[in-house]
C-alpha atoms as a PDB file:
ATOM      1  CA  MET A   1      14.143  17.416  10.557  1.00  0.00           C
ATOM      2  CA  ARG A   2      11.169  15.395   9.301  1.00  0.00           C
ATOM      3  CA  HIS A   3      11.856  12.893  12.071  1.00  0.00           C
ATOM      4  CA  TYR A   4      11.024  15.470  14.753  1.00  0.00           C
ATOM      5  CA  PHE A   5       7.935  16.625  12.878  1.00  0.00           C
ATOM      6  CA  PHE A   6       6.565  13.089  12.725  1.00  0.00           C
ATOM      7  CA  GLU A   7       7.350  12.523  16.419  1.00  0.00           C
ATOM      8  CA  VAL A   8       5.541  15.691  17.461  1.00  0.00           C
ATOM      9  CA  LEU A   9       2.616  14.853  15.196  1.00  0.00           C
ATOM     10  CA  ALA A  10       2.402  11.317  16.614  1.00  0.00           C
ATOM     11  CA  VAL A  11       2.394  12.577  20.199  1.00  0.00           C
ATOM     12  CA  ALA A  12      -0.235  15.201  19.361  1.00  0.00           C
ATOM     13  CA  LEU A  13      -2.485  12.642  17.662  1.00  0.00           C
ATOM     14  CA  ILE A  14      -2.190  10.110  20.462  1.00  0.00           C
ATOM     15  CA  GLY A  15      -2.816  12.846  23.026  1.00  0.00           C
ATOM     16  CA  GLY A  16      -5.756  14.124  21.005  1.00  0.00           C
ATOM     17  CA  SER A  17      -7.295  10.688  20.931  1.00  0.00           C
ATOM     18  CA  MET A  18      -7.418  10.783  24.725  1.00  0.00           C
ATOM     19  CA  PHE A  19      -9.845  13.700  24.382  1.00  0.00           C
ATOM     20  CA  PHE A  20     -12.204  11.532  22.352  1.00  0.00           C
ATOM     21  CA  PHE A  21     -12.001   8.704  24.880  1.00  0.00           C
ATOM     22  CA  ARG A  22     -12.765  11.136  27.700  1.00  0.00           C
ATOM     23  CA  GLU A  23     -15.760  12.433  25.763  1.00  0.00           C
ATOM     24  CA  SER A  24     -17.002   8.886  25.194  1.00  0.00           C
ATOM     25  CA  ILE A  25     -16.944   8.355  28.963  1.00  0.00           C
ATOM     26  CA  ALA A  26     -18.995  11.527  29.354  1.00  0.00           C
ATOM     27  CA  TYR A  27     -21.522  10.204  26.826  1.00  0.00           C
ATOM     28  CA  LEU A  28     -21.675   6.907  28.683  1.00  0.00           C
ATOM     29  CA  ALA A  29     -22.389   8.772  31.912  1.00  0.00           C
ATOM     30  CA  LYS A  30     -25.357  10.405  30.154  1.00  0.00           C
ATOM     31  CA  ARG A  31     -26.455   6.940  28.915  1.00  0.00           C
ATOM     32  CA  ASP A  32     -26.063   8.012  25.284  1.00  0.00           C
ATOM     33  CA  TYR A  33     -24.638   4.757  23.991  1.00  0.00           C
ATOM     34  CA  VAL A  34     -24.817   5.531  20.280  1.00  0.00           C
ATOM     35  CA  GLY A  35     -22.936   8.801  20.752  1.00  0.00           C
ATOM     36  CA  ALA A  36     -20.350   7.053  22.912  1.00  0.00           C
ATOM     37  CA  ILE A  37     -19.745   4.395  20.267  1.00  0.00           C
ATOM     38  CA  LEU A  38     -19.365   7.033  17.546  1.00  0.00           C
ATOM     39  CA  VAL A  39     -16.937   9.143  19.564  1.00  0.00           C
ATOM     40  CA  MET A  40     -14.977   6.061  20.624  1.00  0.00           C
ATOM     41  CA  SER A  41     -14.618   4.960  17.010  1.00  0.00           C
ATOM     42  CA  ILE A  42     -13.260   8.394  16.126  1.00  0.00           C
ATOM     43  CA  GLY A  43     -10.782   8.064  19.005  1.00  0.00           C
ATOM     44  CA  LEU A  44      -9.662   4.669  17.750  1.00  0.00           C
ATOM     45  CA  ALA A  45      -9.170   6.062  14.248  1.00  0.00           C
ATOM     46  CA  VAL A  46      -7.116   8.988  15.547  1.00  0.00           C
ATOM     47  CA  ILE A  47      -4.934   6.756  17.715  1.00  0.00           C
ATOM     48  CA  SER A  48      -4.277   4.422  14.772  1.00  0.00           C
ATOM     49  CA  VAL A  49      -3.133   7.373  12.654  1.00  0.00           C
ATOM     50  CA  GLY A  50      -0.885   8.466  15.534  1.00  0.00           C
ATOM     51  CA  LYS A  51       0.560   4.958  15.670  1.00  0.00           C
ATOM     52  CA  GLU A  52       1.368   5.107  11.970  1.00  0.00           C
ATOM     53  CA  MET A  53       3.034   8.510  12.397  1.00  0.00           C
ATOM     54  CA  ALA A  54       5.157   7.103  15.224  1.00  0.00           C
ATOM     55  CA  ARG A  55       6.148   4.198  13.004  1.00  0.00           C
ATOM     56  CA  LEU A  56       7.074   6.643  10.236  1.00  0.00           C
ATOM     57  CA  ALA A  57       9.167   8.650  12.695  1.00  0.00           C
ATOM     58  CA  LEU A  58      11.115   5.507  13.576  1.00  0.00           C
ATOM     59  CA  VAL A  59      11.772   4.801   9.897  1.00  0.00           C
ATOM     60  CA  GLN A  60      13.000   8.386   9.352  1.00  0.00           C
ATOM     61  CA  ARG A  61      15.381   8.116  12.313  1.00  0.00           C
ATOM     62  CA  ASP A  62      18.337   6.908  10.208  1.00  0.00           C
END
């Protein structure tokens, strides 16, 4: 059961990181480079956590 929870959480985190990347593109369109870098770093952090959750889901698959 934990396997499915970690899979859903990993997909949600990776999908949620796409929101941050889209927002960073919007900041770049406004020429707000500092804001874009901050939002992009948050997106990278969220996608790395999602990657770790996916790895944990694979370990729990046994």
